[in-house]
Amino acid sequence: MGIEVGELENNSPLRQLREAANLTQEQLSVRLSISTSTLRRWENGDVEPAMTRQQWQEFCEAIGVAFDELPELLNLRSI
């Protein structure tokens, strides 16, 4: 079982991963210790996510993917 990113156009990979995990912006922002407005700006592409490694690991735990899978899911080289 994997999470597929890219099914919805005009939807950020962060948002797709969050929604695939059935999390609201509020739920995920609490887990990451950030404001909901910050998460919204990341998902809208207004600003690049600025998370610590610990926050990225918490993000992975929240959405149910392995940390080493995340760069591929987000189309990144590395985190």
PDB file of N, CA and C in Angstrom:
ATOM      1  N   MET A   1       0.846  -1.183   0.000  1.00  0.00           N
ATOM      2  CA  MET A   1       0.000   0.000   0.000  1.00  0.00           C
ATOM      3  C   MET A   1       0.881   1.232   0.000  1.00  0.00           C
ATOM      4  N   GLY A   2       0.669   2.137  -0.938  1.00  0.00           N
ATOM      5  CA  GLY A   2       1.438   3.356  -0.993  1.00  0.00           C
ATOM      6  C   GLY A   2       0.536   4.536  -1.253  1.00  0.00           C
ATOM      7  N   ILE A   3       1.058   5.689  -0.999  1.00  0.00           N
ATOM      8  CA  ILE A   3       0.321   6.912  -1.266  1.00  0.00           C
ATOM      9  C   ILE A   3       0.780   7.433  -2.607  1.00  0.00           C
ATOM     10  N   GLU A   4      -0.149   7.646  -3.514  1.00  0.00           N
ATOM     11  CA  GLU A   4       0.198   8.164  -4.822  1.00  0.00           C
ATOM     12  C   GLU A   4      -0.015   9.664  -4.838  1.00  0.00           C
ATOM     13  N   VAL A   5       1.015  10.358  -5.287  1.00  0.00           N
ATOM     14  CA  VAL A   5       0.970  11.807  -5.369  1.00  0.00           C
ATOM     15  C   VAL A   5       0.801  12.179  -6.825  1.00  0.00           C
ATOM     16  N   GLY A   6       0.022  13.189  -7.087  1.00  0.00           N
ATOM     17  CA  GLY A   6      -0.104  13.679  -8.438  1.00  0.00           C
ATOM     18  C   GLY A   6      -1.446  13.381  -9.074  1.00  0.00           C
ATOM     19  N   GLU A   7      -2.373  12.797  -8.331  1.00  0.00           N
ATOM     20  CA  GLU A   7      -3.668  12.481  -8.899  1.00  0.00           C
ATOM     21  C   GLU A   7      -4.493  13.736  -9.183  1.00  0.00           C
ATOM     22  N   LEU A   8      -4.330  14.739  -8.373  1.00  0.00           N
ATOM     23  CA  LEU A   8      -5.098  15.969  -8.541  1.00  0.00           C
ATOM     24  C   LEU A   8      -4.192  17.087  -9.027  1.00  0.00           C
ATOM     25  N   GLU A   9      -4.555  17.685 -10.143  1.00  0.00           N
ATOM     26  CA  GLU A   9      -3.766  18.807 -10.618  1.00  0.00           C
ATOM     27  C   GLU A   9      -4.044  20.019  -9.739  1.00  0.00           C
ATOM     28  N   ASN A  10      -3.118  20.970  -9.760  1.00  0.00           N
ATOM     29  CA  ASN A  10      -3.238  22.193  -8.974  1.00  0.00           C
ATOM     30  C   ASN A  10      -3.370  21.893  -7.485  1.00  0.00           C
ATOM     31  N   ASN A  11      -2.752  20.839  -7.065  1.00  0.00           N
ATOM     32  CA  ASN A  11      -2.795  20.466  -5.658  1.00  0.00           C
ATOM     33  C   ASN A  11      -1.376  20.115  -5.247  1.00  0.00           C
ATOM     34  N   SER A  12      -0.894  20.734  -4.211  1.00  0.00           N
ATOM     35  CA  SER A  12       0.492  20.520  -3.807  1.00  0.00           C
ATOM     36  C   SER A  12       0.702  19.109  -3.281  1.00  0.00           C
ATOM     37  N   PRO A  13       1.912  18.578  -3.450  1.00  0.00           N
ATOM     38  CA  PRO A  13       2.204  17.256  -2.889  1.00  0.00           C
ATOM     39  C   PRO A  13       1.988  17.206  -1.380  1.00  0.00           C
ATOM     40  N   LEU A  14       2.333  18.290  -0.678  1.00  0.00           N
ATOM     41  CA  LEU A  14       2.102  18.307   0.768  1.00  0.00           C
ATOM     42  C   LEU A  14       0.621  18.135   1.082  1.00  0.00           C
ATOM     43  N   ARG A  15      -0.210  18.864   0.366  1.00  0.00           N
ATOM     44  CA  ARG A  15      -1.660  18.777   0.590  1.00  0.00           C
ATOM     45  C   ARG A  15      -2.166  17.379   0.241  1.00  0.00           C
ATOM     46  N   GLN A  16      -1.700  16.839  -0.872  1.00  0.00           N
ATOM     47  CA  GLN A  16      -2.153  15.512  -1.283  1.00  0.00           C
ATOM     48  C   GLN A  16      -1.780  14.456  -0.247  1.00  0.00           C
ATOM     49  N   LEU A  17      -0.566  14.542   0.273  1.00  0.00           N
ATOM     50  CA  LEU A  17      -0.137  13.586   1.294  1.00  0.00           C
ATOM     51  C   LEU A  17      -0.957  13.739   2.570  1.00  0.00           C
ATOM     52  N   ARG A  18      -1.204  14.989   2.966  1.00  0.00           N
ATOM     53  CA  ARG A  18      -2.009  15.237   4.172  1.00  0.00           C
ATOM     54  C   ARG A  18      -3.421  14.694   3.996  1.00  0.00           C
ATOM     55  N   GLU A  19      -4.026  14.985   2.850  1.00  0.00           N
ATOM     56  CA  GLU A  19      -5.392  14.533   2.613  1.00  0.00           C
ATOM     57  C   GLU A  19      -5.467  13.012   2.487  1.00  0.00           C
ATOM     58  N   ALA A  20      -4.456  12.397   1.874  1.00  0.00           N
ATOM     59  CA  ALA A  20      -4.432  10.933   1.756  1.00  0.00           C
ATOM     60  C   ALA A  20      -4.359  10.270   3.129  1.00  0.00           C
ATOM     61  N   ALA A  21      -3.768  10.984   4.088  1.00  0.00           N
ATOM     62  CA  ALA A  21      -3.672  10.478   5.460  1.00  0.00           C
ATOM     63  C   ALA A  21      -4.898  10.859   6.291  1.00  0.00           C
ATOM     64  N   ASN A  22      -5.881  11.492   5.649  1.00  0.00           N
ATOM     65  CA  ASN A  22      -7.116  11.910   6.324  1.00  0.00           C
ATOM     66  C   ASN A  22      -6.854  12.842   7.499  1.00  0.00           C
ATOM     67  N   LEU A  23      -5.935  13.776   7.294  1.00  0.00           N
ATOM     68  CA  LEU A  23      -5.632  14.776   8.319  1.00  0.00           C
ATOM     69  C   LEU A  23      -6.115  16.141   7.853  1.00  0.00           C
ATOM     70  N   THR A  24      -6.633  16.924   8.781  1.00  0.00           N
ATOM     71  CA  THR A  24      -6.967  18.310   8.472  1.00  0.00           C
ATOM     72  C   THR A  24      -5.702  19.151   8.606  1.00  0.00           C
ATOM     73  N   GLN A  25      -5.748  20.363   8.073  1.00  0.00           N
ATOM     74  CA  GLN A  25      -4.615  21.269   8.246  1.00  0.00           C
ATOM     75  C   GLN A  25      -4.366  21.514   9.727  1.00  0.00           C
ATOM     76  N   GLU A  26      -5.418  21.662  10.490  1.00  0.00           N
ATOM     77  CA  GLU A  26      -5.267  21.908  11.924  1.00  0.00           C
ATOM     78  C   GLU A  26      -4.591  20.729  12.621  1.00  0.00           C
ATOM     79  N   GLN A  27      -5.016  19.519  12.316  1.00  0.00           N
ATOM     80  CA  GLN A  27      -4.421  18.335  12.947  1.00  0.00           C
ATOM     81  C   GLN A  27      -2.931  18.224  12.630  1.00  0.00           C
ATOM     82  N   LEU A  28      -2.574  18.416  11.362  1.00  0.00           N
ATOM     83  CA  LEU A  28      -1.170  18.292  10.988  1.00  0.00           C
ATOM     84  C   LEU A  28      -0.342  19.432  11.556  1.00  0.00           C
ATOM     85  N   SER A  29      -0.879  20.637  11.546  1.00  0.00           N
ATOM     86  CA  SER A  29      -0.114  21.766  12.081  1.00  0.00           C
ATOM     87  C   SER A  29       0.170  21.584  13.574  1.00  0.00           C
ATOM     88  N   VAL A  30      -0.761  21.008  14.312  1.00  0.00           N
ATOM     89  CA  VAL A  30      -0.526  20.729  15.733  1.00  0.00           C
ATOM     90  C   VAL A  30       0.611  19.725  15.881  1.00  0.00           C
ATOM     91  N   ARG A  31       0.600  18.675  15.077  1.00  0.00           N
ATOM     92  CA  ARG A  31       1.665  17.653  15.161  1.00  0.00           C
ATOM     93  C   ARG A  31       3.029  18.225  14.822  1.00  0.00           C
ATOM     94  N   LEU A  32       3.050  19.221  13.919  1.00  0.00           N
ATOM     95  CA  LEU A  32       4.324  19.809  13.497  1.00  0.00           C
ATOM     96  C   LEU A  32       4.715  21.028  14.326  1.00  0.00           C
ATOM     97  N   SER A  33       3.859  21.430  15.249  1.00  0.00           N
ATOM     98  CA  SER A  33       4.090  22.622  16.086  1.00  0.00           C
ATOM     99  C   SER A  33       4.280  23.877  15.245  1.00  0.00           C
ATOM    100  N   ILE A  34       3.396  24.028  14.253  1.00  0.00           N
ATOM    101  CA  ILE A  34       3.389  25.224  13.410  1.00  0.00           C
ATOM    102  C   ILE A  34       1.960  25.750  13.366  1.00  0.00           C
ATOM    103  N   SER A  35       1.793  26.963  12.882  1.00  0.00           N
ATOM    104  CA  SER A  35       0.446  27.516  12.769  1.00  0.00           C
ATOM    105  C   SER A  35      -0.250  26.936  11.538  1.00  0.00           C
ATOM    106  N   THR A  36      -1.559  26.907  11.593  1.00  0.00           N
ATOM    107  CA  THR A  36      -2.338  26.438  10.451  1.00  0.00           C
ATOM    108  C   THR A  36      -2.098  27.336   9.248  1.00  0.00           C
ATOM    109  N   SER A  37      -1.932  28.629   9.485  1.00  0.00           N
ATOM    110  CA  SER A  37      -1.692  29.543   8.363  1.00  0.00           C
ATOM    111  C   SER A  37      -0.350  29.259   7.691  1.00  0.00           C
ATOM    112  N   THR A  38       0.652  28.849   8.473  1.00  0.00           N
ATOM    113  CA  THR A  38       1.940  28.480   7.881  1.00  0.00           C
ATOM    114  C   THR A  38       1.776  27.261   6.990  1.00  0.00           C
ATOM    115  N   LEU A  39       1.082  26.242   7.472  1.00  0.00           N
ATOM    116  CA  LEU A  39       0.849  25.047   6.665  1.00  0.00           C
ATOM    117  C   LEU A  39       0.072  25.395   5.402  1.00  0.00           C
ATOM    118  N   ARG A  40      -0.910  26.247   5.526  1.00  0.00           N
ATOM    119  CA  ARG A  40      -1.706  26.668   4.371  1.00  0.00           C
ATOM    120  C   ARG A  40      -0.819  27.349   3.328  1.00  0.00           C
ATOM    121  N   ARG A  41       0.088  28.222   3.776  1.00  0.00           N
ATOM    122  CA  ARG A  41       0.996  28.905   2.838  1.00  0.00           C
ATOM    123  C   ARG A  41       1.911  27.904   2.144  1.00  0.00           C
ATOM    124  N   TRP A  42       2.380  26.895   2.884  1.00  0.00           N
ATOM    125  CA  TRP A  42       3.213  25.850   2.271  1.00  0.00           C
ATOM    126  C   TRP A  42       2.420  25.103   1.209  1.00  0.00           C
ATOM    127  N   GLU A  43       1.201  24.712   1.550  1.00  0.00           N
ATOM    128  CA  GLU A  43       0.382  23.945   0.614  1.00  0.00           C
ATOM    129  C   GLU A  43      -0.016  24.763  -0.606  1.00  0.00           C
ATOM    130  N   ASN A  44      -0.208  26.049  -0.434  1.00  0.00           N
ATOM    131  CA  ASN A  44      -0.576  26.918  -1.550  1.00  0.00           C
ATOM    132  C   ASN A  44       0.619  27.312  -2.402  1.00  0.00           C
ATOM    133  N   GLY A  45       1.824  26.988  -1.940  1.00  0.00           N
ATOM    134  CA  GLY A  45       3.023  27.340  -2.688  1.00  0.00           C
ATOM    135  C   GLY A  45       3.456  28.775  -2.489  1.00  0.00           C
ATOM    136  N   ASP A  46       2.882  29.446  -1.491  1.00  0.00           N
ATOM    137  CA  ASP A  46       3.262  30.833  -1.224  1.00  0.00           C
ATOM    138  C   ASP A  46       4.686  30.920  -0.700  1.00  0.00           C
ATOM    139  N   VAL A  47       5.090  29.938   0.102  1.00  0.00           N
ATOM    140  CA  VAL A  47       6.456  29.858   0.637  1.00  0.00           C
ATOM    141  C   VAL A  47       6.875  28.393   0.661  1.00  0.00           C
ATOM    142  N   GLU A  48       8.173  28.165   0.609  1.00  0.00           N
ATOM    143  CA  GLU A  48       8.714  26.810   0.698  1.00  0.00           C
ATOM    144  C   GLU A  48       8.661  26.339   2.153  1.00  0.00           C
ATOM    145  N   PRO A  49       8.346  25.077   2.369  1.00  0.00           N
ATOM    146  CA  PRO A  49       8.352  24.555   3.739  1.00  0.00           C
ATOM    147  C   PRO A  49       9.732  24.695   4.374  1.00  0.00           C
ATOM    148  N   ALA A  50       9.759  25.213   5.574  1.00  0.00           N
ATOM    149  CA  ALA A  50      11.004  25.362   6.326  1.00  0.00           C
ATOM    150  C   ALA A  50      10.857  24.548   7.603  1.00  0.00           C
ATOM    151  N   MET A  51      11.058  23.237   7.471  1.00  0.00           N
ATOM    152  CA  MET A  51      10.911  22.354   8.622  1.00  0.00           C
ATOM    153  C   MET A  51      12.268  21.801   9.029  1.00  0.00           C
ATOM    154  N   THR A  52      12.379  21.534  10.303  1.00  0.00           N
ATOM    155  CA  THR A  52      13.568  20.857  10.809  1.00  0.00           C
ATOM    156  C   THR A  52      13.478  19.377  10.417  1.00  0.00           C
ATOM    157  N   ARG A  53      14.593  18.687  10.543  1.00  0.00           N
ATOM    158  CA  ARG A  53      14.569  17.245  10.260  1.00  0.00           C
ATOM    159  C   ARG A  53      13.551  16.546  11.159  1.00  0.00           C
ATOM    160  N   GLN A  54      13.482  16.959  12.419  1.00  0.00           N
ATOM    161  CA  GLN A  54      12.509  16.366  13.348  1.00  0.00           C
ATOM    162  C   GLN A  54      11.077  16.601  12.864  1.00  0.00           C
ATOM    163  N   GLN A  55      10.791  17.795  12.352  1.00  0.00           N
ATOM    164  CA  GLN A  55       9.450  18.076  11.842  1.00  0.00           C
ATOM    165  C   GLN A  55       9.154  17.229  10.605  1.00  0.00           C
ATOM    166  N   TRP A  56      10.150  17.063   9.722  1.00  0.00           N
ATOM    167  CA  TRP A  56       9.947  16.206   8.548  1.00  0.00           C
ATOM    168  C   TRP A  56       9.662  14.770   9.001  1.00  0.00           C
ATOM    169  N   GLN A  57      10.376  14.307  10.014  1.00  0.00           N
ATOM    170  CA  GLN A  57      10.143  12.956  10.521  1.00  0.00           C
ATOM    171  C   GLN A  57       8.747  12.839  11.129  1.00  0.00           C
ATOM    172  N   GLU A  58       8.320  13.863  11.846  1.00  0.00           N
ATOM    173  CA  GLU A  58       6.971  13.873  12.419  1.00  0.00           C
ATOM    174  C   GLU A  58       5.928  13.905  11.301  1.00  0.00           C
ATOM    175  N   PHE A  59       6.195  14.678  10.255  1.00  0.00           N
ATOM    176  CA  PHE A  59       5.306  14.727   9.093  1.00  0.00           C
ATOM    177  C   PHE A  59       5.150  13.323   8.510  1.00  0.00           C
ATOM    178  N   CYS A  60       6.266  12.630   8.320  1.00  0.00           N
ATOM    179  CA  CYS A  60       6.229  11.265   7.770  1.00  0.00           C
ATOM    180  C   CYS A  60       5.430  10.325   8.660  1.00  0.00           C
ATOM    181  N   GLU A  61       5.656  10.424   9.957  1.00  0.00           N
ATOM    182  CA  GLU A  61       4.912   9.583  10.893  1.00  0.00           C
ATOM    183  C   GLU A  61       3.418   9.879  10.808  1.00  0.00           C
ATOM    184  N   ALA A  62       3.072  11.154  10.717  1.00  0.00           N
ATOM    185  CA  ALA A  62       1.668  11.560  10.667  1.00  0.00           C
ATOM    186  C   ALA A  62       0.971  11.046   9.411  1.00  0.00           C
ATOM    187  N   ILE A  63       1.680  11.055   8.283  1.00  0.00           N
ATOM    188  CA  ILE A  63       1.048  10.642   7.025  1.00  0.00           C
ATOM    189  C   ILE A  63       1.269   9.173   6.705  1.00  0.00           C
ATOM    190  N   GLY A  64       2.104   8.509   7.510  1.00  0.00           N
ATOM    191  CA  GLY A  64       2.286   7.075   7.339  1.00  0.00           C
ATOM    192  C   GLY A  64       3.217   6.658   6.219  1.00  0.00           C
ATOM    193  N   VAL A  65       4.282   7.423   5.998  1.00  0.00           N
ATOM    194  CA  VAL A  65       5.291   7.029   5.011  1.00  0.00           C
ATOM    195  C   VAL A  65       6.663   7.016   5.676  1.00  0.00           C
ATOM    196  N   ALA A  66       7.564   6.262   5.094  1.00  0.00           N
ATOM    197  CA  ALA A  66       8.932   6.219   5.608  1.00  0.00           C
ATOM    198  C   ALA A  66       9.656   7.510   5.233  1.00  0.00           C
ATOM    199  N   PHE A  67      10.496   7.979   6.139  1.00  0.00           N
ATOM    200  CA  PHE A  67      11.236   9.222   5.917  1.00  0.00           C
ATOM    201  C   PHE A  67      12.022   9.177   4.609  1.00  0.00           C
ATOM    202  N   ASP A  68      12.630   8.029   4.297  1.00  0.00           N
ATOM    203  CA  ASP A  68      13.444   7.944   3.086  1.00  0.00           C
ATOM    204  C   ASP A  68      12.616   7.915   1.805  1.00  0.00           C
ATOM    205  N   GLU A  69      11.303   7.732   1.899  1.00  0.00           N
ATOM    206  CA  GLU A  69      10.419   7.786   0.732  1.00  0.00           C
ATOM    207  C   GLU A  69       9.969   9.209   0.413  1.00  0.00           C
ATOM    208  N   LEU A  70      10.088  10.099   1.375  1.00  0.00           N
ATOM    209  CA  LEU A  70       9.527  11.437   1.231  1.00  0.00           C
ATOM    210  C   LEU A  70      10.094  12.234   0.059  1.00  0.00           C
ATOM    211  N   PRO A  71      11.415  12.267  -0.142  1.00  0.00           N
ATOM    212  CA  PRO A  71      11.915  13.052  -1.284  1.00  0.00           C
ATOM    213  C   PRO A  71      11.285  12.639  -2.614  1.00  0.00           C
ATOM    214  N   GLU A  72      11.119  11.341  -2.825  1.00  0.00           N
ATOM    215  CA  GLU A  72      10.503  10.879  -4.067  1.00  0.00           C
ATOM    216  C   GLU A  72       9.043  11.314  -4.148  1.00  0.00           C
ATOM    217  N   LEU A  73       8.326  11.209  -3.041  1.00  0.00           N
ATOM    218  CA  LEU A  73       6.920  11.607  -3.024  1.00  0.00           C
ATOM    219  C   LEU A  73       6.740  13.095  -3.287  1.00  0.00           C
ATOM    220  N   LEU A  74       7.718  13.885  -2.842  1.00  0.00           N
ATOM    221  CA  LEU A  74       7.641  15.334  -3.029  1.00  0.00           C
ATOM    222  C   LEU A  74       8.437  15.803  -4.239  1.00  0.00           C
ATOM    223  N   ASN A  75       8.996  14.859  -4.986  1.00  0.00           N
ATOM    224  CA  ASN A  75       9.826  15.179  -6.151  1.00  0.00           C
ATOM    225  C   ASN A  75      11.025  16.028  -5.778  1.00  0.00           C
ATOM    226  N   LEU A  76      11.675  15.661  -4.664  1.00  0.00           N
ATOM    227  CA  LEU A  76      12.855  16.372  -4.185  1.00  0.00           C
ATOM    228  C   LEU A  76      14.069  15.471  -4.289  1.00  0.00           C
ATOM    229  N   ARG A  77      15.237  16.093  -4.280  1.00  0.00           N
ATOM    230  CA  ARG A  77      16.471  15.306  -4.288  1.00  0.00           C
ATOM    231  C   ARG A  77      16.762  14.760  -2.903  1.00  0.00           C
ATOM    232  N   SER A  78      16.643  15.608  -1.885  1.00  0.00           N
ATOM    233  CA  SER A  78      16.866  15.170  -0.506  1.00  0.00           C
ATOM    234  C   SER A  78      16.267  16.187   0.435  1.00  0.00           C
ATOM    235  N   ILE A  79      16.158  15.766   1.691  1.00  0.00           N
ATOM    236  CA  ILE A  79      15.639  16.665   2.729  1.00  0.00           C
ATOM    237  C   ILE A  79      16.721  16.855   3.750  1.00  0.00           C
TER     238      ILE A  79
END
